[in-house]
Amino acid sequence: MTVLDDRALNRASLARQGLLEPSDRSALDMVSHLCGLQAQEPQEPFVGLWSRLRGFEAPALSDLLAGRRVVRLPLMRRTIHLMVAEDVLAWRSRFDTMLRQKVTGVYRRELDGVDLDELEAAGRAVLADGEPRTTAELVDAVIDRWPGGHRRALGEMLVSALIPLVQTPPRGLWRTKGGVRVALLSDWTGREPAPHDPDGTDPVGRELVRRYLAAYGPATSSDLRAWCGVAGLPAAVAAVRDELVSFRDANGRELLDLPGAPLPDPDTTAPVRFLPAFDNAVLGYQYRGRIIDDEHRGLSVAGERVVLVDGRVTATWTSRDDTVSVAPLRPLTAAERDAVAEQAEELSAFLSDGGSRRVRIDG
């Protein structure tokens, strides 16, 4: 069986992520291809698409949000993602169990004695008028049913698990601040989410396998689970295994992939790329050695924005007062420093709508 080392896996991931060379996809197509973008911080998806798409302009994504073609909601791993509405409608029910378990695991004692079916019904009744609500407003409307109830636990269960909800604009629009207000997914899109597994064959699980490998493969089944957080995927993998090819990584783990998916030459040049906080190019794997050294792994869960040099996490970056500041994790060569500075200037211009090209590189 063919062995793919970390460099080979790195180039494969970069190619599929639009990070090896700019993609000509539309913003909508790229969000769909990536199965969503991490979006805890509302402005980060704009950088994620800017780093991947040729000629990306921020208003294109704002228009998709305002037009309800993409939505913000908790999904993969119960973290906020920016997703194509069609995918959310098809997938959301498959994530129900995981979302409930995640919240219950944190607030088990606080939710003791709370009938979750009753809580869901109460929350839906509040939202039935179609008006977006804050979490506090939702809790205020139902708290009388559970005197002394834990407000945070009730709120988290309502907005993250029990009811398919989306965060409504202006939150998530370009260079716009807005608090979290939620609305029913069905009201916002005009369609009800598809039921989970109506025929017992887990069609969503099988689609998640194929879609994940298209954007992140080759990868292990553990990588797949780490990316989305849902259980029951081994059965989905088994159901589509005849469609897949397999490799081994340098540690002997089996890597699954789609036949004919891009596997660039490991010596292919990888340009400097700036990634936003929590980007799934890093977080979307259990085994992240293809893109980040173990000693820096904590950066990927701490919300640090990172810079890829030769395809690997080599620096962190911040932006303040229209200046992009870069902090290398190792000494950069002169050529690397020039390439980082050039890309940082372009990023500064993007973040300031063309008003700045200020850059600082530490060290």
Protein backbone atom coordinates (compact mmCIF):
# COMPACT_ATOMS: atom_id res chain seq x y z
CA MET A 1 0.00 0.00 0.00
CA THR A 2 1.32 3.45 -0.94
CA VAL A 3 2.71 5.46 1.98
CA LEU A 4 2.11 9.22 2.04
CA ASP A 5 4.37 11.21 4.35
CA ASP A 6 3.40 14.49 5.97
CA ARG A 7 4.74 16.56 3.08
CA ALA A 8 2.68 14.62 0.55
CA LEU A 9 -0.40 14.99 2.74
CA ASN A 10 0.35 18.68 3.16
CA ARG A 11 0.36 19.34 -0.57
CA ALA A 12 -2.80 17.28 -1.06
CA SER A 13 -4.62 19.26 1.64
CA LEU A 14 -3.42 22.60 0.33
CA ALA A 15 -4.52 21.74 -3.20
CA ARG A 16 -8.00 20.74 -2.09
CA GLN A 17 -8.36 23.72 0.22
CA GLY A 18 -7.52 26.30 -2.43
CA LEU A 19 -4.30 27.13 -0.59
CA LEU A 20 -1.79 25.78 -3.10
CA GLU A 21 -2.95 28.15 -5.81
CA PRO A 22 -5.92 30.51 -5.82
CA SER A 23 -9.24 28.95 -6.74
CA ASP A 24 -11.60 30.35 -9.35
CA ARG A 25 -14.63 29.07 -7.43
CA SER A 26 -17.30 31.50 -6.35
CA ALA A 27 -17.56 32.33 -2.65
CA LEU A 28 -20.70 30.19 -2.41
CA ASP A 29 -19.02 27.25 -4.11
CA MET A 30 -15.97 27.46 -1.84
CA VAL A 31 -18.06 27.57 1.34
CA SER A 32 -19.89 24.51 0.06
CA HIS A 33 -16.70 22.72 -0.98
CA LEU A 34 -15.11 23.27 2.44
CA CYS A 35 -18.31 22.06 4.13
CA GLY A 36 -18.41 25.41 5.90
CA LEU A 37 -15.91 27.73 7.54
CA GLN A 38 -15.24 28.20 11.24
CA ALA A 39 -16.94 31.43 12.25
CA GLN A 40 -16.77 31.96 16.02
CA GLU A 41 -15.24 35.32 15.22
CA PRO A 42 -17.60 36.92 12.68
CA GLN A 43 -14.96 38.50 10.43
CA GLU A 44 -12.67 35.47 10.15
CA PRO A 45 -14.46 33.74 7.23
CA PHE A 46 -13.69 36.73 5.04
CA VAL A 47 -9.95 36.14 5.52
CA GLY A 48 -10.45 32.42 4.97
CA LEU A 49 -12.01 33.06 1.58
CA TRP A 50 -9.57 35.85 0.68
CA SER A 51 -6.70 33.40 1.20
CA ARG A 52 -8.30 30.84 -1.09
CA LEU A 53 -10.17 32.66 -3.87
CA ARG A 54 -8.79 34.61 -6.76
CA GLY A 55 -10.05 38.19 -6.65
CA PHE A 56 -12.33 37.66 -3.64
CA GLU A 57 -14.25 40.76 -2.59
CA ALA A 58 -15.76 40.89 0.88
CA PRO A 59 -19.20 42.22 -0.14
CA ALA A 60 -19.78 38.97 -2.04
CA LEU A 61 -19.94 37.04 1.23
CA SER A 62 -22.02 39.71 2.97
CA ASP A 63 -24.52 39.50 0.11
CA LEU A 64 -24.75 35.73 0.54
CA LEU A 65 -25.49 36.16 4.25
CA ALA A 66 -28.02 38.91 3.70
CA GLY A 67 -29.60 36.87 0.92
CA ARG A 68 -29.87 33.83 3.23
CA ARG A 69 -27.87 31.58 0.90
CA VAL A 70 -25.28 31.06 3.63
CA VAL A 71 -26.06 30.99 7.34
CA ARG A 72 -24.23 31.05 10.68
CA LEU A 73 -25.02 28.37 13.25
CA PRO A 74 -23.44 25.87 15.66
CA LEU A 75 -22.75 22.63 13.80
CA MET A 76 -19.36 20.92 13.44
CA ARG A 77 -18.11 20.11 16.96
CA ARG A 78 -20.83 22.52 18.24
CA THR A 79 -18.76 25.46 17.04
CA ILE A 80 -20.15 28.31 14.98
CA HIS A 81 -19.78 27.67 11.27
CA LEU A 82 -20.65 29.61 8.17
CA MET A 83 -22.53 27.12 6.00
CA VAL A 84 -24.39 26.98 2.72
CA ALA A 85 -28.09 26.93 3.60
CA GLU A 86 -28.75 23.88 1.42
CA ASP A 87 -26.15 21.85 3.33
CA VAL A 88 -27.55 22.92 6.69
CA LEU A 89 -31.08 21.93 5.70
CA ALA A 90 -29.83 18.53 4.56
CA TRP A 91 -27.45 17.87 7.46
CA ARG A 92 -28.73 19.57 10.62
CA SER A 93 -30.87 16.69 11.87
CA ARG A 94 -27.90 14.30 11.62
CA PHE A 95 -26.10 16.48 14.18
CA ASP A 96 -28.95 16.58 16.74
CA THR A 97 -27.63 13.86 19.02
CA MET A 98 -24.07 15.19 19.08
CA LEU A 99 -25.22 18.75 19.80
CA ARG A 100 -27.41 17.64 22.68
CA GLN A 101 -24.67 15.44 24.13
CA LYS A 102 -22.14 18.27 23.93
CA VAL A 103 -24.35 20.66 25.90
CA THR A 104 -25.50 17.99 28.36
CA GLY A 105 -21.89 16.98 28.98
CA VAL A 106 -21.10 20.52 30.15
CA TYR A 107 -24.34 21.26 32.03
CA ARG A 108 -25.55 17.86 33.23
CA ARG A 109 -26.18 18.98 36.83
CA GLU A 110 -27.62 22.34 35.81
CA LEU A 111 -30.12 20.63 33.49
CA ASP A 112 -31.17 17.99 36.00
CA GLY A 113 -34.97 18.00 36.18
CA VAL A 114 -35.43 19.93 32.94
CA ASP A 115 -37.64 18.13 30.44
CA LEU A 116 -35.81 18.82 27.18
CA ASP A 117 -38.88 18.19 25.04
CA GLU A 118 -40.78 20.74 27.09
CA LEU A 119 -37.88 23.20 26.85
CA GLU A 120 -37.75 22.79 23.08
CA ALA A 121 -41.49 23.36 22.74
CA ALA A 122 -41.30 26.46 24.92
CA GLY A 123 -38.44 27.87 22.87
CA ARG A 124 -40.20 27.22 19.57
CA ALA A 125 -43.32 28.94 20.87
CA VAL A 126 -41.32 32.07 21.64
CA LEU A 127 -39.79 32.10 18.16
CA ALA A 128 -43.02 31.28 16.34
CA ASP A 129 -43.66 34.92 15.47
CA GLY A 130 -40.57 34.95 13.25
CA GLU A 131 -38.79 37.70 15.20
CA PRO A 132 -35.09 37.06 15.96
CA ARG A 133 -34.27 36.93 19.65
CA THR A 134 -31.15 37.16 21.77
CA THR A 135 -30.33 34.21 23.99
CA ALA A 136 -31.20 36.30 27.03
CA GLU A 137 -34.61 37.13 25.58
CA LEU A 138 -35.27 33.44 24.90
CA VAL A 139 -34.34 32.48 28.44
CA ASP A 140 -36.38 35.33 29.92
CA ALA A 141 -39.43 34.00 28.07
CA VAL A 142 -39.15 30.44 29.41
CA ILE A 143 -37.42 30.72 32.79
CA ASP A 144 -40.70 30.86 34.75
CA ARG A 145 -41.28 27.21 33.86
CA TRP A 146 -38.10 26.25 35.71
CA PRO A 147 -37.91 28.44 38.82
CA GLY A 148 -34.30 28.68 39.90
CA GLY A 149 -33.16 27.18 36.61
CA HIS A 150 -29.62 27.76 35.41
CA ARG A 151 -29.92 30.50 32.80
CA ARG A 152 -26.73 29.72 30.90
CA ALA A 153 -27.53 26.01 30.65
CA LEU A 154 -31.06 26.68 29.41
CA GLY A 155 -29.77 29.20 26.88
CA GLU A 156 -27.02 26.94 25.56
CA MET A 157 -29.40 24.02 25.18
CA LEU A 158 -31.94 26.17 23.34
CA VAL A 159 -29.63 27.93 20.89
CA SER A 160 -26.98 25.24 20.39
CA ALA A 161 -28.83 21.95 20.44
CA LEU A 162 -32.57 21.59 20.77
CA ILE A 163 -33.78 23.89 18.02
CA PRO A 164 -32.22 24.41 14.58
CA LEU A 165 -31.43 28.14 14.77
CA VAL A 166 -29.34 30.55 12.72
CA GLN A 167 -27.60 33.74 13.78
CA THR A 168 -29.13 36.57 11.79
CA PRO A 169 -27.38 39.56 10.19
CA PRO A 170 -26.01 42.12 10.80
CA ARG A 171 -23.80 39.68 12.71
CA GLY A 172 -21.29 38.25 10.27
CA LEU A 173 -21.48 41.03 7.70
CA TRP A 174 -18.25 42.65 6.51
CA ARG A 175 -16.85 45.28 8.87
CA THR A 176 -20.16 45.33 10.74
CA LYS A 177 -20.70 44.74 14.43
CA GLY A 178 -23.80 43.02 15.70
CA GLY A 179 -24.79 40.93 18.66
CA VAL A 180 -26.10 37.39 18.40
CA ARG A 181 -29.78 37.16 17.54
CA VAL A 182 -31.27 33.85 16.46
CA ALA A 183 -34.17 32.76 14.29
CA LEU A 184 -35.63 29.40 13.35
CA LEU A 185 -33.74 27.82 10.46
CA SER A 186 -37.07 26.91 8.88
CA ASP A 187 -38.35 30.49 9.08
CA TRP A 188 -35.10 31.99 7.83
CA THR A 189 -34.80 29.68 4.81
CA GLY A 190 -38.47 28.94 4.20
CA ARG A 191 -37.81 25.19 4.44
CA GLU A 192 -37.85 22.56 7.15
CA PRO A 193 -34.62 20.60 7.83
CA ALA A 194 -34.65 17.13 6.31
CA PRO A 195 -35.35 14.33 8.81
CA HIS A 196 -32.43 12.18 9.87
CA ASP A 197 -31.99 8.76 8.29
CA PRO A 198 -35.55 8.20 7.02
CA ASP A 199 -34.59 4.92 5.34
CA GLY A 200 -32.03 3.65 7.85
CA THR A 201 -29.04 4.03 5.51
CA ASP A 202 -27.57 7.26 6.93
CA PRO A 203 -27.39 9.17 3.65
CA VAL A 204 -25.99 12.24 5.41
CA GLY A 205 -23.21 10.23 7.03
CA ARG A 206 -22.21 8.84 3.65
CA GLU A 207 -22.28 12.32 2.12
CA LEU A 208 -20.14 13.69 4.95
CA VAL A 209 -17.50 11.03 4.21
CA ARG A 210 -17.35 11.94 0.52
CA ARG A 211 -17.47 15.70 1.04
CA TYR A 212 -14.85 15.64 3.78
CA LEU A 213 -12.40 13.64 1.69
CA ALA A 214 -12.93 15.92 -1.30
CA ALA A 215 -11.84 18.96 0.74
CA TYR A 216 -9.52 17.46 3.38
CA GLY A 217 -8.34 14.04 2.21
CA PRO A 218 -6.52 11.77 2.26
CA ALA A 219 -7.47 11.31 5.91
CA THR A 220 -8.15 8.74 8.60
CA SER A 221 -11.57 7.89 9.96
CA SER A 222 -10.41 9.53 13.21
CA ASP A 223 -9.72 12.74 11.28
CA LEU A 224 -13.26 12.61 9.91
CA ARG A 225 -14.73 12.26 13.40
CA ALA A 226 -12.51 15.03 14.80
CA TRP A 227 -13.66 17.38 12.03
CA CYS A 228 -17.40 17.04 12.45
CA GLY A 229 -17.82 15.56 15.94
CA VAL A 230 -20.67 13.21 15.08
CA ALA A 231 -20.79 9.53 16.01
CA GLY A 232 -21.77 6.57 13.89
CA LEU A 233 -19.51 7.36 10.96
CA PRO A 234 -17.67 4.00 10.84
CA ALA A 235 -20.88 2.51 9.44
CA ALA A 236 -21.05 5.29 6.84
CA VAL A 237 -17.42 4.71 5.90
CA ALA A 238 -18.10 1.00 5.55
CA ALA A 239 -21.09 1.73 3.33
CA VAL A 240 -19.01 3.74 0.84
CA ARG A 241 -15.69 1.91 1.21
CA ASP A 242 -16.01 0.32 -2.23
CA GLU A 243 -16.00 3.86 -3.67
CA LEU A 244 -12.75 4.80 -1.91
CA VAL A 245 -9.04 4.17 -2.25
CA SER A 246 -6.65 3.84 0.65
CA PHE A 247 -3.07 4.70 1.58
CA ARG A 248 -0.95 4.60 4.72
CA ASP A 249 0.65 7.51 6.53
CA ALA A 250 4.19 7.39 7.90
CA ASN A 251 2.87 5.90 11.17
CA GLY A 252 0.96 3.10 9.47
CA ARG A 253 -2.51 4.60 9.86
CA GLU A 254 -4.96 3.93 7.04
CA LEU A 255 -5.81 6.98 4.95
CA LEU A 256 -9.05 7.03 2.99
CA ASP A 257 -9.55 9.03 -0.18
CA LEU A 258 -11.65 9.56 -3.27
CA PRO A 259 -10.21 8.00 -6.43
CA GLY A 260 -8.64 10.58 -8.70
CA ALA A 261 -8.60 13.33 -6.05
CA PRO A 262 -5.60 15.71 -6.29
CA LEU A 263 -2.29 14.36 -4.98
CA PRO A 264 0.30 16.94 -6.07
CA ASP A 265 4.01 16.25 -6.20
CA PRO A 266 5.31 16.77 -2.64
CA ASP A 267 7.97 19.10 -4.07
CA THR A 268 5.33 21.48 -5.46
CA THR A 269 6.03 25.02 -4.27
CA ALA A 270 3.55 26.21 -1.63
CA PRO A 271 3.08 29.99 -1.43
CA VAL A 272 2.71 31.96 1.80
CA ARG A 273 -0.87 31.92 3.05
CA PHE A 274 -2.48 33.78 5.96
CA LEU A 275 -5.18 31.78 7.73
CA PRO A 276 -7.89 33.12 10.06
CA ALA A 277 -8.54 31.97 13.59
CA PHE A 278 -9.72 28.36 13.96
CA ASP A 279 -9.33 27.58 10.27
CA ASN A 280 -10.32 24.00 9.49
CA ALA A 281 -7.23 23.56 7.31
CA VAL A 282 -5.56 23.08 10.70
CA LEU A 283 -8.42 22.04 12.99
CA GLY A 284 -10.05 19.63 10.56
CA TYR A 285 -7.85 16.65 11.53
CA GLN A 286 -7.13 14.50 14.56
CA TYR A 287 -3.55 14.07 13.32
CA ARG A 288 -2.34 17.54 12.37
CA GLY A 289 1.29 16.77 11.61
CA ARG A 290 0.68 17.42 7.92
CA ILE A 291 0.38 21.14 8.58
CA ILE A 292 1.53 22.04 12.12
CA ASP A 293 4.33 20.82 14.39
CA ASP A 294 3.27 19.16 17.64
CA GLU A 295 5.00 21.87 19.69
CA HIS A 296 2.71 24.48 18.11
CA ARG A 297 -0.49 22.42 18.11
CA GLY A 298 -1.96 24.50 20.93
CA LEU A 299 -2.06 27.53 18.66
CA SER A 300 -4.74 25.90 16.57
CA VAL A 301 -7.18 25.64 19.46
CA ALA A 302 -6.28 28.94 21.11
CA GLY A 303 -7.64 31.04 18.28
CA GLU A 304 -4.28 32.25 17.00
CA ARG A 305 -4.26 33.31 13.37
CA VAL A 306 -1.43 31.54 11.60
CA VAL A 307 0.81 31.98 8.56
CA LEU A 308 1.74 29.07 6.33
CA VAL A 309 5.27 29.13 4.92
CA ASP A 310 6.13 26.23 2.63
CA GLY A 311 2.73 24.87 3.58
CA ARG A 312 3.31 24.68 7.32
CA VAL A 313 2.36 26.84 10.29
CA THR A 314 5.43 29.03 10.70
CA ALA A 315 4.15 32.27 12.25
CA THR A 316 1.16 33.91 13.89
CA TRP A 317 -0.39 37.20 12.85
CA THR A 318 -2.60 39.94 14.21
CA SER A 319 -4.18 43.05 12.77
CA ARG A 320 -4.65 46.33 14.58
CA ASP A 321 -5.04 49.89 13.35
CA ASP A 322 -4.74 48.60 9.75
CA THR A 323 -1.30 47.11 10.46
CA VAL A 324 -0.71 43.39 9.96
CA SER A 325 1.86 42.17 12.48
CA VAL A 326 3.62 38.82 12.03
CA ALA A 327 5.39 36.86 14.79
CA PRO A 328 7.55 34.05 13.33
CA LEU A 329 7.78 30.77 15.22
CA ARG A 330 11.26 30.16 13.77
CA PRO A 331 13.81 32.36 12.01
CA LEU A 332 12.75 33.17 8.46
CA THR A 333 15.13 33.18 5.55
CA ALA A 334 15.46 36.42 3.61
CA ALA A 335 13.35 35.01 0.80
CA GLU A 336 10.68 33.77 3.22
CA ARG A 337 10.60 37.12 4.99
CA ASP A 338 10.09 38.93 1.69
CA ALA A 339 7.29 36.56 0.68
CA VAL A 340 5.58 36.95 4.06
CA ALA A 341 5.87 40.74 3.88
CA GLU A 342 4.42 40.82 0.37
CA GLN A 343 1.41 38.72 1.31
CA ALA A 344 0.93 40.67 4.56
CA GLU A 345 0.76 43.89 2.55
CA GLU A 346 -1.98 42.42 0.39
CA LEU A 347 -3.85 41.28 3.49
CA SER A 348 -3.52 44.71 5.09
CA ALA A 349 -5.02 46.26 1.96
CA PHE A 350 -7.89 43.78 2.01
CA LEU A 351 -8.68 44.32 5.69
CA SER A 352 -8.66 48.10 5.29
CA ASP A 353 -10.63 48.12 2.03
CA GLY A 354 -7.52 49.29 0.20
CA GLY A 355 -6.59 51.96 2.69
CA SER A 356 -3.41 50.49 4.13
CA ARG A 357 -0.41 48.32 3.34
CA ARG A 358 1.25 48.57 6.74
CA VAL A 359 3.17 45.51 7.90
CA ARG A 360 5.41 44.64 10.84
CA ILE A 361 7.42 41.42 11.12
CA ASP A 362 8.91 40.70 14.53
CA GLY A 363 12.38 39.28 14.99
